[in-house]
Protein backbone atom coordinates (compact mmCIF):
# COMPACT_ATOMS: atom_id res chain seq x y z
CA MET A 1 101.95 101.68 75.29
CA THR A 2 104.92 102.73 73.59
CA GLY A 3 108.35 103.88 75.00
CA MET A 4 107.05 107.65 74.41
CA ASP A 5 104.43 107.07 76.85
CA THR A 6 105.97 105.24 79.27
CA ALA A 7 108.15 107.06 82.70
CA LEU A 8 109.85 103.23 83.09
CA SER A 9 109.52 100.11 81.62
CA ILE A 10 110.32 96.82 83.63
CA LYS A 11 110.95 93.90 81.67
CA GLY A 12 111.58 89.91 83.16
CA LEU A 13 113.51 91.41 85.89
CA THR A 14 114.21 88.91 88.63
CA LYS A 15 116.54 89.16 91.66
CA ARG A 16 117.63 86.21 93.67
CA PHE A 17 119.65 86.29 96.97
CA GLY A 18 120.88 82.80 97.61
CA GLY A 19 117.89 80.99 97.61
CA LEU A 20 115.91 83.73 97.42
CA THR A 21 114.06 84.78 94.47
CA ALA A 22 113.07 89.04 96.15
CA VAL A 23 111.56 89.78 92.36
CA ASP A 24 110.58 87.07 90.56
CA ASN A 25 110.76 87.37 86.43
CA ILE A 26 108.36 90.76 86.59
CA ASP A 27 107.05 92.95 83.60
CA ILE A 28 105.81 96.03 84.37
CA GLN A 29 105.22 99.41 82.74
CA PHE A 30 104.74 102.27 84.30
CA PRO A 31 102.88 105.10 82.47
CA LYS A 32 104.18 109.21 81.68
CA GLY A 33 102.21 111.95 83.33
CA ILE A 34 100.37 110.00 85.37
CA LEU A 35 101.76 109.59 89.63
CA ASN A 36 102.09 106.22 89.88
CA ALA A 37 102.25 104.03 93.35
CA VAL A 38 103.58 100.51 94.62
CA ILE A 39 101.59 98.75 97.30
CA GLY A 40 102.18 95.04 98.91
CA PRO A 41 102.04 93.37 102.19
CA ASN A 42 105.86 94.15 103.92
CA GLY A 43 108.42 91.48 102.31
CA ALA A 44 106.16 92.00 98.65
CA GLY A 45 109.94 93.73 97.17
CA LYS A 46 109.09 97.01 96.47
CA THR A 47 112.00 98.39 97.72
CA THR A 48 114.20 95.61 96.32
CA LEU A 49 112.61 96.85 93.34
CA PHE A 50 113.74 100.23 93.20
CA ASN A 51 117.02 99.56 94.63
CA LEU A 52 117.54 97.51 91.17
CA VAL A 53 116.10 99.92 88.91
CA THR A 54 118.70 102.73 90.76
CA GLY A 55 121.73 100.37 90.38
CA MET A 56 121.87 99.53 94.44
CA VAL A 57 121.50 96.20 93.71
CA PRO A 58 122.22 94.63 90.84
CA ALA A 59 119.66 92.39 88.83
CA THR A 60 119.97 88.46 88.60
CA SER A 61 118.56 88.82 85.44
CA GLY A 62 116.10 91.37 83.08
CA ARG A 63 115.78 95.16 82.06
CA VAL A 64 114.82 97.95 83.40
CA MET A 65 114.25 100.60 80.49
CA PHE A 66 114.22 104.72 81.02
CA GLU A 67 114.03 106.83 78.38
CA GLY A 68 115.22 104.07 75.25
CA ASN A 69 118.28 102.75 77.62
CA ASP A 70 118.45 99.82 79.38
CA LEU A 71 119.51 100.98 83.31
CA ILE A 72 120.36 97.29 83.97
CA GLY A 73 124.24 96.91 85.16
CA ARG A 74 125.00 100.99 85.13
CA ALA A 75 126.11 102.84 88.43
CA PRO A 76 123.51 104.73 90.55
CA HIS A 77 126.06 107.96 89.74
CA GLU A 78 125.40 107.14 85.91
CA ILE A 79 121.40 106.53 86.85
CA VAL A 80 121.27 109.93 88.65
CA SER A 81 122.91 111.85 86.08
CA ARG A 82 120.42 110.47 83.12
CA GLY A 83 117.27 111.88 84.57
CA LEU A 84 116.29 109.49 87.72
CA SER A 85 116.49 110.22 91.28
CA ARG A 86 114.60 108.43 94.45
CA THR A 87 114.26 109.12 98.10
CA LEU A 88 115.11 106.13 100.83
CA GLN A 89 113.06 105.15 103.72
CA ILE A 90 116.07 105.88 105.80
CA LYS A 91 116.26 110.21 105.95
CA SER A 92 119.36 110.59 105.66
CA VAL A 93 120.71 114.50 105.78
CA PHE A 94 123.30 116.23 106.72
CA GLY A 95 121.97 117.63 110.59
CA GLY A 96 124.90 119.96 111.33
CA MET A 97 123.74 122.02 107.85
CA SER A 98 121.00 124.27 107.46
CA VAL A 99 118.09 123.11 104.88
CA MET A 100 119.26 125.64 101.97
CA ASP A 101 122.98 124.24 102.89
CA ASN A 102 122.02 120.92 102.71
CA ILE A 103 120.07 121.32 98.80
CA ARG A 104 123.02 124.18 97.82
CA ILE A 105 125.68 121.22 98.28
CA ALA A 106 123.66 118.64 96.10
CA VAL A 107 122.69 121.49 93.28
CA PHE A 108 126.35 122.52 92.74
CA ALA A 109 127.51 119.06 93.15
CA HIS A 110 125.01 118.24 90.68
CA GLU A 111 126.09 121.32 88.70
CA GLY A 112 129.92 120.23 88.48
CA ILE A 113 130.54 123.11 90.93
CA SER A 114 133.65 121.15 93.26
CA SER A 115 133.68 123.87 95.65
CA PRO A 116 130.17 124.45 97.51
CA PHE A 117 130.95 126.21 100.51
CA ARG A 118 133.16 129.29 98.35
CA PRO A 119 131.53 132.65 97.98
CA ALA A 120 128.02 132.10 95.92
CA ARG A 121 127.86 135.30 94.10
CA GLY A 122 129.28 133.85 90.90
CA TYR A 123 126.95 131.06 91.20
CA ARG A 124 124.01 132.93 90.58
CA ALA A 125 121.45 130.44 88.52
CA ALA A 126 122.59 127.10 91.20
CA ASN A 127 121.97 129.18 93.79
CA ASP A 128 118.02 130.57 91.55
CA ARG A 129 117.44 126.89 91.80
CA VAL A 130 117.90 126.32 95.34
CA GLU A 131 115.34 129.00 96.25
CA HIS A 132 113.25 127.61 93.94
CA ILE A 133 113.96 124.16 95.47
CA LEU A 134 112.94 125.16 98.61
CA GLU A 135 109.71 126.88 97.26
CA ASP A 136 108.54 123.61 95.64
CA THR A 137 109.18 121.78 98.32
CA GLY A 138 108.00 124.50 100.89
CA LEU A 139 110.88 124.63 103.00
CA ASP A 140 111.79 128.14 102.11
CA ARG A 141 110.12 129.04 105.62
CA LEU A 142 112.64 126.56 107.37
CA ALA A 143 115.88 127.88 104.90
CA SER A 144 117.99 128.77 107.92
CA SER A 145 117.19 126.15 110.38
CA SER A 146 119.28 123.02 111.40
CA ALA A 147 118.79 120.27 109.05
CA GLY A 148 119.07 118.22 112.59
CA ALA A 149 116.14 120.22 114.04
CA LEU A 150 113.42 119.82 111.55
CA SER A 151 110.54 117.40 112.34
CA TYR A 152 110.10 114.00 110.68
CA GLY A 153 107.98 115.08 108.32
CA ASP A 154 110.60 117.93 106.95
CA VAL A 155 112.89 115.74 106.95
CA ALA A 156 111.47 113.95 103.98
CA LEU A 157 110.44 116.87 102.72
CA LEU A 158 114.67 117.66 102.71
CA GLU A 159 115.10 114.77 101.32
CA ILE A 160 112.41 115.30 98.73
CA ALA A 161 114.66 118.43 98.00
CA LEU A 162 118.11 116.74 98.10
CA ALA A 163 116.67 114.36 95.18
CA LEU A 164 114.83 117.56 92.93
CA ALA A 165 118.63 118.78 92.81
CA ASN A 166 119.54 115.88 90.41
CA LYS A 167 116.47 117.90 87.83
CA PRO A 168 114.89 114.28 87.15
CA ARG A 169 112.23 113.45 84.90
CA LEU A 170 111.44 110.69 86.95
CA LEU A 171 111.60 110.72 90.72
CA LEU A 172 111.18 107.44 92.99
CA LEU A 173 110.12 107.67 96.18
CA ASP A 174 110.38 105.16 98.89
CA GLU A 175 107.58 105.51 102.09
CA PRO A 176 107.85 109.07 101.79
CA ILE A 177 105.44 109.59 104.93
CA CYS A 178 105.88 106.90 106.79
CA GLY A 179 106.06 107.48 110.53
CA MET A 180 104.46 111.08 110.07
CA SER A 181 101.89 112.69 112.15
CA PRO A 182 98.64 113.78 110.35
CA SER A 183 99.45 116.84 109.94
CA GLU A 184 102.82 116.67 108.49
CA THR A 185 101.23 113.91 106.01
CA GLU A 186 98.65 116.26 104.94
CA ARG A 187 102.02 118.56 104.34
CA THR A 188 103.89 116.32 102.62
CA VAL A 189 100.91 114.86 100.13
CA GLU A 190 99.96 118.31 99.05
CA ARG A 191 104.07 118.70 97.54
CA ILE A 192 103.90 115.42 96.14
CA VAL A 193 100.80 115.67 94.09
CA ARG A 194 102.52 119.16 93.34
CA LEU A 195 105.81 118.18 92.11
CA ALA A 196 104.07 114.63 90.20
CA GLU A 197 102.28 117.85 87.44
CA THR A 198 105.90 118.26 86.63
CA THR A 199 108.32 115.35 87.28
CA ASP A 200 107.01 112.06 86.85
CA ILE A 201 106.32 109.84 90.28
CA ILE A 202 106.90 106.81 91.18
CA LEU A 203 105.76 106.07 95.20
CA ILE A 204 106.10 103.46 97.09
CA GLU A 205 103.56 103.70 100.20
CA HIS A 206 102.29 101.52 103.06
CA ASP A 207 99.53 104.06 104.23
CA MET A 208 96.33 103.11 102.06
CA GLU A 209 94.27 105.95 102.45
CA VAL A 210 96.68 108.33 101.15
CA VAL A 211 97.65 105.45 98.25
CA PHE A 212 94.35 105.68 96.66
CA ALA A 213 93.69 109.23 97.23
CA ILE A 214 95.96 109.86 95.06
CA ALA A 215 97.68 107.65 92.48
CA ASP A 216 96.57 107.23 89.26
CA LEU A 217 97.27 103.46 88.87
CA ILE A 218 98.23 101.50 91.46
CA THR A 219 100.48 98.48 91.21
CA VAL A 220 100.66 95.49 93.37
CA MET A 221 103.17 93.14 94.14
CA ALA A 222 103.11 89.83 97.17
CA GLN A 223 106.10 87.65 97.33
CA GLY A 224 108.11 88.95 94.94
CA GLN A 225 105.38 88.84 91.90
CA LEU A 226 103.15 91.44 90.22
CA LEU A 227 100.01 90.75 91.27
CA MET A 228 98.29 93.21 89.20
CA GLN A 229 98.10 96.60 88.03
CA GLY A 230 94.58 99.36 87.99
CA THR A 231 93.23 102.12 88.88
CA PRO A 232 92.32 102.69 92.78
CA ASN A 233 88.53 101.02 91.91
CA GLU A 234 90.41 98.62 90.33
CA VAL A 235 92.68 97.97 92.60
CA ALA A 236 90.13 97.73 95.59
CA GLY A 237 87.59 95.53 94.01
CA ASP A 238 90.05 92.50 93.21
CA SER A 239 89.44 89.72 94.92
CA GLY A 240 93.36 88.59 94.62
CA VAL A 241 94.10 92.19 96.51
CA GLN A 242 91.74 91.32 98.93
CA GLU A 243 93.44 88.58 100.06
CA VAL A 244 97.10 88.96 100.05
CA TYR A 245 96.90 92.61 101.27
CA LEU A 246 93.64 94.73 102.03
CA GLY A 247 91.65 92.40 103.32
CA THR A 248 88.09 90.96 102.29
CA PRO A 249 85.25 93.16 102.64
CA GLU A 250 84.41 90.68 105.62
CA ASP A 251 87.41 91.18 107.50
CA MET A 252 87.00 95.23 107.40
CA GLU A 253 83.82 94.84 108.57
């Protein structure tokens, strides 16, 4: 797989916290143009992997290559400026503001507009982008609603909207549907699938029904190591994955 075919390439990535090795010398390539998913039991190192990629914690060793540049050692804001954004497990939005104002602040910040509360008449391109993001995430119906009054599922969509404000070419989603009702899950998954048509996505998710329904390629981690990478059918049929995560056929009966 060449650099042109790869959304993200990880080589020898390791993170130690004292005597604990959270990510253990892993090599992973995430192809472009497909929806990638990362799964694994609790403590597998999935979120730590995202934290290393996005510069939120420093790596002990290794490389993370994005569009020909090594991200290791770069600050989170610099990584975002290069076209890589993420959402977090713990949702964080400006609850006292409207959905539209949340997105507007994020877009204006990305565009370098220093006074987001000024009259917006002169910021047509930025405001057009806000409208597009509202439509892309399905939040146009809630544009004037207070972010603090949103359902959990709509907060997750707003988090994705805020990440999209940075015009990412690669989007990392960390458990975006955790804790949602079935209807919220269906709505959010639909939006993620649509976004994946135009933006490379790597998704961490514990809902295996969702992962196996929408992912093109699944990366499985266990105890900080790469267990395997394959199609949903390959992962589902792998005895090692069944043992550490999915359960053997006998266990599932």
